[in-house]
């Protein structure tokens, strides 16, 4: 039985290099570049669907009340409630992700 080291030496001894004379590079340059809009568009659709689902389940008044609670607590230098903090951070992150998805989609 041969070991991996013996096989590696055998293949190295009988290695053959093939020259393509720039054929691969020529083919690569002839192919059209296709921009992929799928990831940013998929992210934007997912964010909008998540927002819609969240608002429909929790309710816009609850979300608004939590944001008001968070802002008033911070303005009075108090610790806001956990639900208000989670709501505020979630809305902030959502708008950041929407901005990222829109800016990542290069429409040139």
PDB file of N, CA and C in Angstrom:
ATOM      1  N   UNK A   1       0.839  -1.165   0.000  1.00  0.00           N
ATOM      2  CA  UNK A   1       0.000   0.000   0.000  1.00  0.00           C
ATOM      3  C   UNK A   1       0.898   1.247   0.000  1.00  0.00           C
ATOM      4  N   UNK A   2       0.547   2.221  -0.809  1.00  0.00           N
ATOM      5  CA  UNK A   2       1.368   3.428  -0.891  1.00  0.00           C
ATOM      6  C   UNK A   2       0.794   4.503   0.028  1.00  0.00           C
ATOM      7  N   UNK A   3       1.684   5.319   0.489  1.00  0.00           N
ATOM      8  CA  UNK A   3       1.255   6.386   1.394  1.00  0.00           C
ATOM      9  C   UNK A   3       0.951   7.648   0.591  1.00  0.00           C
ATOM     10  N   UNK A   4       0.383   8.602   1.252  1.00  0.00           N
ATOM     11  CA  UNK A   4       0.066   9.874   0.595  1.00  0.00           C
ATOM     12  C   UNK A   4       1.331  10.571   0.112  1.00  0.00           C
ATOM     13  N   UNK A   5       2.378  10.439   0.893  1.00  0.00           N
ATOM     14  CA  UNK A   5       3.639  11.070   0.515  1.00  0.00           C
ATOM     15  C   UNK A   5       4.181  10.470  -0.782  1.00  0.00           C
ATOM     16  N   UNK A   6       4.096   9.143  -0.929  1.00  0.00           N
ATOM     17  CA  UNK A   6       4.569   8.471  -2.147  1.00  0.00           C
ATOM     18  C   UNK A   6       3.732   8.898  -3.356  1.00  0.00           C
ATOM     19  N   UNK A   7       2.424   8.981  -3.169  1.00  0.00           N
ATOM     20  CA  UNK A   7       1.556   9.406  -4.264  1.00  0.00           C
ATOM     21  C   UNK A   7       1.846  10.844  -4.676  1.00  0.00           C
ATOM     22  N   UNK A   8       2.073  11.690  -3.703  1.00  0.00           N
ATOM     23  CA  UNK A   8       2.383  13.085  -4.003  1.00  0.00           C
ATOM     24  C   UNK A   8       3.684  13.190  -4.786  1.00  0.00           C
ATOM     25  N   UNK A   9       4.685  12.431  -4.407  1.00  0.00           N
ATOM     26  CA  UNK A   9       5.959  12.433  -5.127  1.00  0.00           C
ATOM     27  C   UNK A   9       5.785  11.894  -6.546  1.00  0.00           C
ATOM     28  N   UNK A  10       4.960  10.863  -6.701  1.00  0.00           N
ATOM     29  CA  UNK A  10       4.706  10.291  -8.019  1.00  0.00           C
ATOM     30  C   UNK A  10       4.045  11.314  -8.941  1.00  0.00           C
ATOM     31  N   UNK A  11       3.031  12.002  -8.425  1.00  0.00           N
ATOM     32  CA  UNK A  11       2.337  12.992  -9.248  1.00  0.00           C
ATOM     33  C   UNK A  11       3.225  14.192  -9.561  1.00  0.00           C
ATOM     34  N   UNK A  12       4.071  14.598  -8.614  1.00  0.00           N
ATOM     35  CA  UNK A  12       4.983  15.715  -8.854  1.00  0.00           C
ATOM     36  C   UNK A  12       6.023  15.340  -9.924  1.00  0.00           C
ATOM     37  N   UNK A  13       6.471  14.099  -9.924  1.00  0.00           N
ATOM     38  CA  UNK A  13       7.471  13.660 -10.891  1.00  0.00           C
ATOM     39  C   UNK A  13       6.898  13.624 -12.306  1.00  0.00           C
ATOM     40  N   UNK A  14       5.623  13.319 -12.455  1.00  0.00           N
ATOM     41  CA  UNK A  14       5.002  13.185 -13.770  1.00  0.00           C
ATOM     42  C   UNK A  14       4.050  14.337 -14.084  1.00  0.00           C
ATOM     43  N   UNK A  15       4.303  15.478 -13.486  1.00  0.00           N
ATOM     44  CA  UNK A  15       3.446  16.642 -13.683  1.00  0.00           C
ATOM     45  C   UNK A  15       3.683  17.243 -15.064  1.00  0.00           C
ATOM     46  N   UNK A  16       2.617  17.578 -15.743  1.00  0.00           N
ATOM     47  CA  UNK A  16       2.709  18.190 -17.061  1.00  0.00           C
ATOM     48  C   UNK A  16       1.967  19.522 -17.045  1.00  0.00           C
ATOM     49  N   UNK A  17       2.638  20.573 -17.466  1.00  0.00           N
ATOM     50  CA  UNK A  17       2.032  21.890 -17.534  1.00  0.00           C
ATOM     51  C   UNK A  17       1.538  22.135 -18.957  1.00  0.00           C
ATOM     52  N   UNK A  18       0.329  22.614 -19.053  1.00  0.00           N
ATOM     53  CA  UNK A  18      -0.253  22.939 -20.350  1.00  0.00           C
ATOM     54  C   UNK A  18      -0.313  24.446 -20.502  1.00  0.00           C
ATOM     55  N   UNK A  19       0.143  24.926 -21.628  1.00  0.00           N
ATOM     56  CA  UNK A  19       0.125  26.354 -21.878  1.00  0.00           C
ATOM     57  C   UNK A  19      -1.084  26.689 -22.739  1.00  0.00           C
ATOM     58  N   UNK A  20      -1.855  27.702 -22.317  1.00  0.00           N
ATOM     59  CA  UNK A  20      -3.031  28.063 -23.116  1.00  0.00           C
ATOM     60  C   UNK A  20      -2.790  29.324 -23.940  1.00  0.00           C
ATOM     61  N   UNK A  21      -1.587  29.888 -23.857  1.00  0.00           N
ATOM     62  CA  UNK A  21      -1.198  31.060 -24.651  1.00  0.00           C
ATOM     63  C   UNK A  21      -2.189  32.215 -24.510  1.00  0.00           C
ATOM     64  N   UNK A  22      -2.670  32.463 -23.305  1.00  0.00           N
ATOM     65  CA  UNK A  22      -3.584  33.568 -23.049  1.00  0.00           C
ATOM     66  C   UNK A  22      -5.022  33.320 -23.450  1.00  0.00           C
ATOM     67  N   UNK A  23      -5.361  32.074 -23.795  1.00  0.00           N
ATOM     68  CA  UNK A  23      -6.716  31.759 -24.234  1.00  0.00           C
ATOM     69  C   UNK A  23      -7.743  32.018 -23.132  1.00  0.00           C
ATOM     70  N   UNK A  24      -7.422  31.615 -21.906  1.00  0.00           N
ATOM     71  CA  UNK A  24      -8.364  31.788 -20.789  1.00  0.00           C
ATOM     72  C   UNK A  24      -8.647  33.259 -20.537  1.00  0.00           C
ATOM     73  N   UNK A  25      -7.613  34.084 -20.545  1.00  0.00           N
ATOM     74  CA  UNK A  25      -7.807  35.515 -20.315  1.00  0.00           C
ATOM     75  C   UNK A  25      -8.620  36.147 -21.445  1.00  0.00           C
ATOM     76  N   UNK A  26      -8.395  35.709 -22.672  1.00  0.00           N
ATOM     77  CA  UNK A  26      -9.154  36.241 -23.803  1.00  0.00           C
ATOM     78  C   UNK A  26     -10.637  35.909 -23.684  1.00  0.00           C
ATOM     79  N   UNK A  27     -10.928  34.702 -23.267  1.00  0.00           N
ATOM     80  CA  UNK A  27     -12.326  34.299 -23.096  1.00  0.00           C
ATOM     81  C   UNK A  27     -12.969  35.088 -21.954  1.00  0.00           C
ATOM     82  N   UNK A  28     -12.240  35.280 -20.861  1.00  0.00           N
ATOM     83  CA  UNK A  28     -12.782  36.037 -19.735  1.00  0.00           C
ATOM     84  C   UNK A  28     -13.137  37.465 -20.141  1.00  0.00           C
ATOM     85  N   UNK A  29     -12.293  38.075 -20.976  1.00  0.00           N
ATOM     86  CA  UNK A  29     -12.556  39.455 -21.388  1.00  0.00           C
ATOM     87  C   UNK A  29     -13.706  39.553 -22.378  1.00  0.00           C
ATOM     88  N   UNK A  30     -13.998  38.488 -23.109  1.00  0.00           N
ATOM     89  CA  UNK A  30     -15.104  38.502 -24.072  1.00  0.00           C
ATOM     90  C   UNK A  30     -16.459  38.316 -23.406  1.00  0.00           C
ATOM     91  N   UNK A  31     -16.476  37.688 -22.249  1.00  0.00           N
ATOM     92  CA  UNK A  31     -17.741  37.442 -21.563  1.00  0.00           C
ATOM     93  C   UNK A  31     -18.291  38.743 -20.997  1.00  0.00           C
ATOM     94  N   UNK A  32     -19.585  38.975 -21.146  1.00  0.00           N
ATOM     95  CA  UNK A  32     -20.155  40.202 -20.576  1.00  0.00           C
ATOM     96  C   UNK A  32     -20.258  40.088 -19.061  1.00  0.00           C
ATOM     97  N   UNK A  33     -20.032  41.218 -18.391  1.00  0.00           N
ATOM     98  CA  UNK A  33     -20.173  41.230 -16.941  1.00  0.00           C
ATOM     99  C   UNK A  33     -21.642  41.420 -16.599  1.00  0.00           C
ATOM    100  N   UNK A  34     -22.141  40.569 -15.746  1.00  0.00           N
ATOM    101  CA  UNK A  34     -23.541  40.656 -15.331  1.00  0.00           C
ATOM    102  C   UNK A  34     -23.597  41.116 -13.895  1.00  0.00           C
ATOM    103  N   UNK A  35     -24.120  42.305 -13.676  1.00  0.00           N
ATOM    104  CA  UNK A  35     -24.260  42.736 -12.282  1.00  0.00           C
ATOM    105  C   UNK A  35     -25.381  41.961 -11.604  1.00  0.00           C
ATOM    106  N   UNK A  36     -25.176  41.686 -10.354  1.00  0.00           N
ATOM    107  CA  UNK A  36     -26.175  40.941  -9.598  1.00  0.00           C
ATOM    108  C   UNK A  36     -26.944  41.890  -8.694  1.00  0.00           C
ATOM    109  N   UNK A  37     -28.217  42.122  -9.032  1.00  0.00           N
ATOM    110  CA  UNK A  37     -29.075  42.975  -8.218  1.00  0.00           C
ATOM    111  C   UNK A  37     -29.874  42.148  -7.214  1.00  0.00           C
ATOM    112  N   UNK A  38     -29.744  40.835  -7.278  1.00  0.00           N
ATOM    113  CA  UNK A  38     -30.569  39.981  -6.437  1.00  0.00           C
ATOM    114  C   UNK A  38     -30.338  40.170  -4.940  1.00  0.00           C
ATOM    115  N   UNK A  39     -29.099  40.164  -4.431  1.00  0.00           N
ATOM    116  CA  UNK A  39     -28.941  40.300  -2.970  1.00  0.00           C
ATOM    117  C   UNK A  39     -29.527  41.590  -2.393  1.00  0.00           C
ATOM    118  N   UNK A  40     -29.245  42.780  -2.954  1.00  0.00           N
ATOM    119  CA  UNK A  40     -29.844  43.981  -2.366  1.00  0.00           C
ATOM    120  C   UNK A  40     -31.363  44.017  -2.506  1.00  0.00           C
ATOM    121  N   UNK A  41     -31.882  43.562  -3.636  1.00  0.00           N
ATOM    122  CA  UNK A  41     -33.333  43.566  -3.837  1.00  0.00           C
ATOM    123  C   UNK A  41     -33.985  42.573  -2.891  1.00  0.00           C
ATOM    124  N   UNK A  42     -33.377  41.405  -2.728  1.00  0.00           N
ATOM    125  CA  UNK A  42     -33.902  40.407  -1.802  1.00  0.00           C
ATOM    126  C   UNK A  42     -33.876  40.935  -0.368  1.00  0.00           C
ATOM    127  N   UNK A  43     -32.818  41.657  -0.001  1.00  0.00           N
ATOM    128  CA  UNK A  43     -32.739  42.238   1.327  1.00  0.00           C
ATOM    129  C   UNK A  43     -33.839  43.278   1.528  1.00  0.00           C
ATOM    130  N   UNK A  44     -34.053  44.115   0.530  1.00  0.00           N
ATOM    131  CA  UNK A  44     -35.079  45.153   0.631  1.00  0.00           C
ATOM    132  C   UNK A  44     -36.475  44.542   0.747  1.00  0.00           C
ATOM    133  N   UNK A  45     -36.752  43.523  -0.055  1.00  0.00           N
ATOM    134  CA  UNK A  45     -38.061  42.857   0.012  1.00  0.00           C
ATOM    135  C   UNK A  45     -38.247  42.180   1.372  1.00  0.00           C
ATOM    136  N   UNK A  46     -37.199  41.553   1.888  1.00  0.00           N
ATOM    137  CA  UNK A  46     -37.289  40.897   3.194  1.00  0.00           C
ATOM    138  C   UNK A  46     -37.531  41.900   4.320  1.00  0.00           C
ATOM    139  N   UNK A  47     -36.873  43.036   4.239  1.00  0.00           N
ATOM    140  CA  UNK A  47     -37.049  44.060   5.261  1.00  0.00           C
ATOM    141  C   UNK A  47     -38.475  44.606   5.231  1.00  0.00           C
ATOM    142  N   UNK A  48     -38.974  44.884   4.039  1.00  0.00           N
ATOM    143  CA  UNK A  48     -40.337  45.408   3.914  1.00  0.00           C
ATOM    144  C   UNK A  48     -41.356  44.380   4.391  1.00  0.00           C
ATOM    145  N   UNK A  49     -41.136  43.105   4.044  1.00  0.00           N
ATOM    146  CA  UNK A  49     -42.049  42.054   4.511  1.00  0.00           C
ATOM    147  C   UNK A  49     -41.991  41.919   6.035  1.00  0.00           C
ATOM    148  N   UNK A  50     -40.800  42.011   6.602  1.00  0.00           N
ATOM    149  CA  UNK A  50     -40.669  41.934   8.057  1.00  0.00           C
ATOM    150  C   UNK A  50     -41.335  43.096   8.761  1.00  0.00           C
ATOM    151  N   UNK A  51     -41.170  44.296   8.213  1.00  0.00           N
ATOM    152  CA  UNK A  51     -41.841  45.464   8.796  1.00  0.00           C
ATOM    153  C   UNK A  51     -43.357  45.315   8.722  1.00  0.00           C
ATOM    154  N   UNK A  52     -43.850  44.878   7.577  1.00  0.00           N
ATOM    155  CA  UNK A  52     -45.286  44.707   7.404  1.00  0.00           C
ATOM    156  C   UNK A  52     -45.832  43.674   8.387  1.00  0.00           C
ATOM    157  N   UNK A  53     -45.143  42.559   8.520  1.00  0.00           N
ATOM    158  CA  UNK A  53     -45.573  41.516   9.447  1.00  0.00           C
ATOM    159  C   UNK A  53     -45.528  42.007  10.894  1.00  0.00           C
ATOM    160  N   UNK A  54     -44.463  42.715  11.251  1.00  0.00           N
ATOM    161  CA  UNK A  54     -44.338  43.225  12.616  1.00  0.00           C
ATOM    162  C   UNK A  54     -45.450  44.217  12.940  1.00  0.00           C
ATOM    163  N   UNK A  55     -45.701  45.140  12.025  1.00  0.00           N
ATOM    164  CA  UNK A  55     -46.742  46.140  12.271  1.00  0.00           C
ATOM    165  C   UNK A  55     -48.119  45.485  12.345  1.00  0.00           C
ATOM    166  N   UNK A  56     -48.342  44.474  11.492  1.00  0.00           N
ATOM    167  CA  UNK A  56     -49.654  43.833  11.511  1.00  0.00           C
ATOM    168  C   UNK A  56     -49.868  42.996  12.778  1.00  0.00           C
ATOM    169  N   UNK A  57     -48.811  42.400  13.321  1.00  0.00           N
ATOM    170  CA  UNK A  57     -48.949  41.568  14.514  1.00  0.00           C
ATOM    171  C   UNK A  57     -48.964  42.416  15.785  1.00  0.00           C
ATOM    172  N   UNK A  58     -47.998  43.306  15.926  1.00  0.00           N
ATOM    173  CA  UNK A  58     -47.856  44.089  17.150  1.00  0.00           C
ATOM    174  C   UNK A  58     -48.782  45.299  17.139  1.00  0.00           C
ATOM    175  N   UNK A  59     -48.879  45.945  16.014  1.00  0.00           N
ATOM    176  CA  UNK A  59     -49.706  47.141  15.918  1.00  0.00           C
ATOM    177  C   UNK A  59     -48.868  48.398  15.910  1.00  0.00           C
ATOM    178  N   UNK A  60     -49.249  49.332  15.077  1.00  0.00           N
ATOM    179  CA  UNK A  60     -48.494  50.566  14.930  1.00  0.00           C
ATOM    180  C   UNK A  60     -48.558  51.413  16.196  1.00  0.00           C
ATOM    181  N   UNK A  61     -49.679  51.371  16.919  1.00  0.00           N
ATOM    182  CA  UNK A  61     -49.794  52.196  18.133  1.00  0.00           C
ATOM    183  C   UNK A  61     -48.846  51.715  19.225  1.00  0.00           C
ATOM    184  N   UNK A  62     -48.665  50.410  19.335  1.00  0.00           N
ATOM    185  CA  UNK A  62     -47.732  49.876  20.331  1.00  0.00           C
ATOM    186  C   UNK A  62     -46.299  50.265  19.987  1.00  0.00           C
ATOM    187  N   UNK A  63     -45.962  50.150  18.722  1.00  0.00           N
ATOM    188  CA  UNK A  63     -44.611  50.520  18.288  1.00  0.00           C
ATOM    189  C   UNK A  63     -44.381  52.008  18.534  1.00  0.00           C
ATOM    190  N   UNK A  64     -45.353  52.845  18.167  1.00  0.00           N
ATOM    191  CA  UNK A  64     -45.224  54.282  18.363  1.00  0.00           C
ATOM    192  C   UNK A  64     -45.122  54.620  19.850  1.00  0.00           C
ATOM    193  N   UNK A  65     -45.916  53.976  20.678  1.00  0.00           N
ATOM    194  CA  UNK A  65     -45.873  54.222  22.125  1.00  0.00           C
ATOM    195  C   UNK A  65     -44.516  53.843  22.708  1.00  0.00           C
ATOM    196  N   UNK A  66     -43.931  52.737  22.247  1.00  0.00           N
ATOM    197  CA  UNK A  66     -42.614  52.327  22.732  1.00  0.00           C
ATOM    198  C   UNK A  66     -41.538  53.317  22.313  1.00  0.00           C
ATOM    199  N   UNK A  67     -41.633  53.836  21.097  1.00  0.00           N
ATOM    200  CA  UNK A  67     -40.651  54.824  20.643  1.00  0.00           C
ATOM    201  C   UNK A  67     -40.781  56.115  21.450  1.00  0.00           C
ATOM    202  N   UNK A  68     -42.007  56.548  21.693  1.00  0.00           N
ATOM    203  CA  UNK A  68     -42.227  57.751  22.512  1.00  0.00           C
ATOM    204  C   UNK A  68     -41.696  57.520  23.924  1.00  0.00           C
ATOM    205  N   UNK A  69     -41.941  56.345  24.490  1.00  0.00           N
ATOM    206  CA  UNK A  69     -41.432  55.993  25.808  1.00  0.00           C
ATOM    207  C   UNK A  69     -39.910  56.044  25.837  1.00  0.00           C
ATOM    208  N   UNK A  70     -39.277  55.508  24.816  1.00  0.00           N
ATOM    209  CA  UNK A  70     -37.815  55.498  24.744  1.00  0.00           C
ATOM    210  C   UNK A  70     -37.264  56.915  24.677  1.00  0.00           C
ATOM    211  N   UNK A  71     -37.818  57.732  23.778  1.00  0.00           N
ATOM    212  CA  UNK A  71     -37.317  59.096  23.599  1.00  0.00           C
ATOM    213  C   UNK A  71     -37.539  59.929  24.860  1.00  0.00           C
ATOM    214  N   UNK A  72     -38.696  59.804  25.480  1.00  0.00           N
ATOM    215  CA  UNK A  72     -38.955  60.595  26.693  1.00  0.00           C
ATOM    216  C   UNK A  72     -38.054  60.146  27.841  1.00  0.00           C
ATOM    217  N   UNK A  73     -37.800  58.853  27.959  1.00  0.00           N
ATOM    218  CA  UNK A  73     -36.922  58.360  29.027  1.00  0.00           C
ATOM    219  C   UNK A  73     -35.493  58.839  28.817  1.00  0.00           C
ATOM    220  N   UNK A  74     -35.027  58.803  27.585  1.00  0.00           N
ATOM    221  CA  UNK A  74     -33.660  59.245  27.302  1.00  0.00           C
ATOM    222  C   UNK A  74     -33.541  60.758  27.501  1.00  0.00           C
ATOM    223  N   UNK A  75     -34.569  61.497  27.092  1.00  0.00           N
ATOM    224  CA  UNK A  75     -34.509  62.957  27.254  1.00  0.00           C
ATOM    225  C   UNK A  75     -34.517  63.364  28.731  1.00  0.00           C
ATOM    226  N   UNK A  76     -35.088  62.547  29.607  1.00  0.00           N
ATOM    227  CA  UNK A  76     -35.092  62.834  31.046  1.00  0.00           C
ATOM    228  C   UNK A  76     -33.913  62.160  31.767  1.00  0.00           C
ATOM    229  N   UNK A  77     -32.976  61.618  30.981  1.00  0.00           N
ATOM    230  CA  UNK A  77     -31.789  60.933  31.500  1.00  0.00           C
ATOM    231  C   UNK A  77     -32.152  59.752  32.400  1.00  0.00           C
ATOM    232  N   UNK A  78     -33.164  59.008  31.996  1.00  0.00           N
ATOM    233  CA  UNK A  78     -33.575  57.811  32.713  1.00  0.00           C
ATOM    234  C   UNK A  78     -33.351  56.603  31.804  1.00  0.00           C
ATOM    235  N   UNK A  79     -33.312  55.437  32.426  1.00  0.00           N
ATOM    236  CA  UNK A  79     -33.199  54.213  31.634  1.00  0.00           C
ATOM    237  C   UNK A  79     -34.561  53.868  31.035  1.00  0.00           C
ATOM    238  N   UNK A  80     -34.626  53.693  29.724  1.00  0.00           N
ATOM    239  CA  UNK A  80     -35.910  53.312  29.132  1.00  0.00           C
ATOM    240  C   UNK A  80     -36.214  51.845  29.402  1.00  0.00           C
ATOM    241  N   UNK A  81     -37.471  51.480  29.198  1.00  0.00           N
ATOM    242  CA  UNK A  81     -37.854  50.082  29.400  1.00  0.00           C
ATOM    243  C   UNK A  81     -37.216  49.209  28.317  1.00  0.00           C
ATOM    244  N   UNK A  82     -37.152  47.923  28.591  1.00  0.00           N
ATOM    245  CA  UNK A  82     -36.533  47.000  27.639  1.00  0.00           C
ATOM    246  C   UNK A  82     -37.316  46.945  26.335  1.00  0.00           C
ATOM    247  N   UNK A  83     -38.637  46.924  26.424  1.00  0.00           N
ATOM    248  CA  UNK A  83     -39.442  46.840  25.196  1.00  0.00           C
ATOM    249  C   UNK A  83     -39.279  48.098  24.359  1.00  0.00           C
ATOM    250  N   UNK A  84     -39.178  49.250  24.991  1.00  0.00           N
ATOM    251  CA  UNK A  84     -38.972  50.487  24.245  1.00  0.00           C
ATOM    252  C   UNK A  84     -37.601  50.498  23.578  1.00  0.00           C
ATOM    253  N   UNK A  85     -36.596  50.004  24.287  1.00  0.00           N
ATOM    254  CA  UNK A  85     -35.246  49.959  23.723  1.00  0.00           C
ATOM    255  C   UNK A  85     -35.174  49.006  22.539  1.00  0.00           C
ATOM    256  N   UNK A  86     -35.765  47.835  22.694  1.00  0.00           N
ATOM    257  CA  UNK A  86     -35.758  46.857  21.605  1.00  0.00           C
ATOM    258  C   UNK A  86     -36.505  47.405  20.391  1.00  0.00           C
ATOM    259  N   UNK A  87     -37.616  48.053  20.615  1.00  0.00           N
ATOM    260  CA  UNK A  87     -38.380  48.633  19.510  1.00  0.00           C
ATOM    261  C   UNK A  87     -37.572  49.703  18.797  1.00  0.00           C
ATOM    262  N   UNK A  88     -36.961  50.606  19.567  1.00  0.00           N
ATOM    263  CA  UNK A  88     -36.195  51.694  18.973  1.00  0.00           C
ATOM    264  C   UNK A  88     -35.005  51.155  18.189  1.00  0.00           C
ATOM    265  N   UNK A  89     -34.256  50.245  18.775  1.00  0.00           N
ATOM    266  CA  UNK A  89     -33.084  49.675  18.091  1.00  0.00           C
ATOM    267  C   UNK A  89     -33.515  48.899  16.856  1.00  0.00           C
ATOM    268  N   UNK A  90     -34.628  48.185  16.940  1.00  0.00           N
ATOM    269  CA  UNK A  90     -35.118  47.440  15.775  1.00  0.00           C
ATOM    270  C   UNK A  90     -35.516  48.349  14.633  1.00  0.00           C
ATOM    271  N   UNK A  91     -36.227  49.436  14.941  1.00  0.00           N
ATOM    272  CA  UNK A  91     -36.625  50.388  13.897  1.00  0.00           C
ATOM    273  C   UNK A  91     -35.394  51.072  13.315  1.00  0.00           C
ATOM    274  N   UNK A  92     -34.455  51.455  14.172  1.00  0.00           N
ATOM    275  CA  UNK A  92     -33.228  52.092  13.704  1.00  0.00           C
ATOM    276  C   UNK A  92     -32.435  51.159  12.789  1.00  0.00           C
ATOM    277  N   UNK A  93     -32.279  49.903  13.193  1.00  0.00           N
ATOM    278  CA  UNK A  93     -31.550  48.931  12.376  1.00  0.00           C
ATOM    279  C   UNK A  93     -32.266  48.673  11.054  1.00  0.00           C
ATOM    280  N   UNK A  94     -33.584  48.654  11.087  1.00  0.00           N
ATOM    281  CA  UNK A  94     -34.346  48.438   9.858  1.00  0.00           C
ATOM    282  C   UNK A  94     -34.105  49.559   8.854  1.00  0.00           C
ATOM    283  N   UNK A  95     -34.158  50.800   9.330  1.00  0.00           N
ATOM    284  CA  UNK A  95     -33.920  51.917   8.423  1.00  0.00           C
ATOM    285  C   UNK A  95     -32.478  51.942   7.929  1.00  0.00           C
ATOM    286  N   UNK A  96     -31.541  51.536   8.767  1.00  0.00           N
ATOM    287  CA  UNK A  96     -30.151  51.427   8.314  1.00  0.00           C
ATOM    288  C   UNK A  96     -30.014  50.367   7.232  1.00  0.00           C
ATOM    289  N   UNK A  97     -30.670  49.226   7.411  1.00  0.00           N
ATOM    290  CA  UNK A  97     -30.600  48.166   6.408  1.00  0.00           C
ATOM    291  C   UNK A  97     -31.291  48.570   5.116  1.00  0.00           C
ATOM    292  N   UNK A  98     -32.389  49.303   5.203  1.00  0.00           N
ATOM    293  CA  UNK A  98     -33.052  49.777   3.993  1.00  0.00           C
ATOM    294  C   UNK A  98     -32.127  50.738   3.248  1.00  0.00           C
ATOM    295  N   UNK A  99     -31.494  51.634   3.978  1.00  0.00           N
ATOM    296  CA  UNK A  99     -30.539  52.548   3.345  1.00  0.00           C
ATOM    297  C   UNK A  99     -29.384  51.811   2.706  1.00  0.00           C
ATOM    298  N   UNK A 100     -28.888  50.770   3.380  1.00  0.00           N
ATOM    299  CA  UNK A 100     -27.799  49.984   2.817  1.00  0.00           C
ATOM    300  C   UNK A 100     -28.242  49.248   1.557  1.00  0.00           C
ATOM    301  N   UNK A 101     -29.439  48.670   1.596  1.00  0.00           N
ATOM    302  CA  UNK A 101     -29.933  47.939   0.432  1.00  0.00           C
ATOM    303  C   UNK A 101     -30.127  48.860  -0.760  1.00  0.00           C
ATOM    304  N   UNK A 102     -30.635  50.052  -0.521  1.00  0.00           N
ATOM    305  CA  UNK A 102     -30.844  50.993  -1.619  1.00  0.00           C
ATOM    306  C   UNK A 102     -29.517  51.498  -2.156  1.00  0.00           C
ATOM    307  N   UNK A 103     -28.576  51.786  -1.269  1.00  0.00           N
ATOM    308  CA  UNK A 103     -27.279  52.291  -1.746  1.00  0.00           C
ATOM    309  C   UNK A 103     -26.441  51.201  -2.402  1.00  0.00           C
ATOM    310  N   UNK A 104     -26.649  49.945  -2.024  1.00  0.00           N
ATOM    311  CA  UNK A 104     -25.887  48.855  -2.626  1.00  0.00           C
ATOM    312  C   UNK A 104     -26.366  48.509  -4.017  1.00  0.00           C
ATOM    313  N   UNK A 105     -27.582  48.900  -4.356  1.00  0.00           N
ATOM    314  CA  UNK A 105     -28.108  48.637  -5.683  1.00  0.00           C
ATOM    315  C   UNK A 105     -27.616  49.727  -6.618  1.00  0.00           C
ATOM    316  N   UNK A 106     -26.633  49.391  -7.435  1.00  0.00           N
ATOM    317  CA  UNK A 106     -26.050  50.345  -8.357  1.00  0.00           C
ATOM    318  C   UNK A 106     -26.853  50.320  -9.645  1.00  0.00           C
ATOM    319  N   UNK A 107     -27.574  51.379  -9.922  1.00  0.00           N
ATOM    320  CA  UNK A 107     -28.482  51.390 -11.066  1.00  0.00           C
ATOM    321  C   UNK A 107     -27.880  52.035 -12.305  1.00  0.00           C
ATOM    322  N   UNK A 108     -26.569  52.079 -12.398  1.00  0.00           N
ATOM    323  CA  UNK A 108     -25.948  52.681 -13.592  1.00  0.00           C
ATOM    324  C   UNK A 108     -26.052  51.764 -14.774  1.00  0.00           C
TER     325      UNK A 108
END
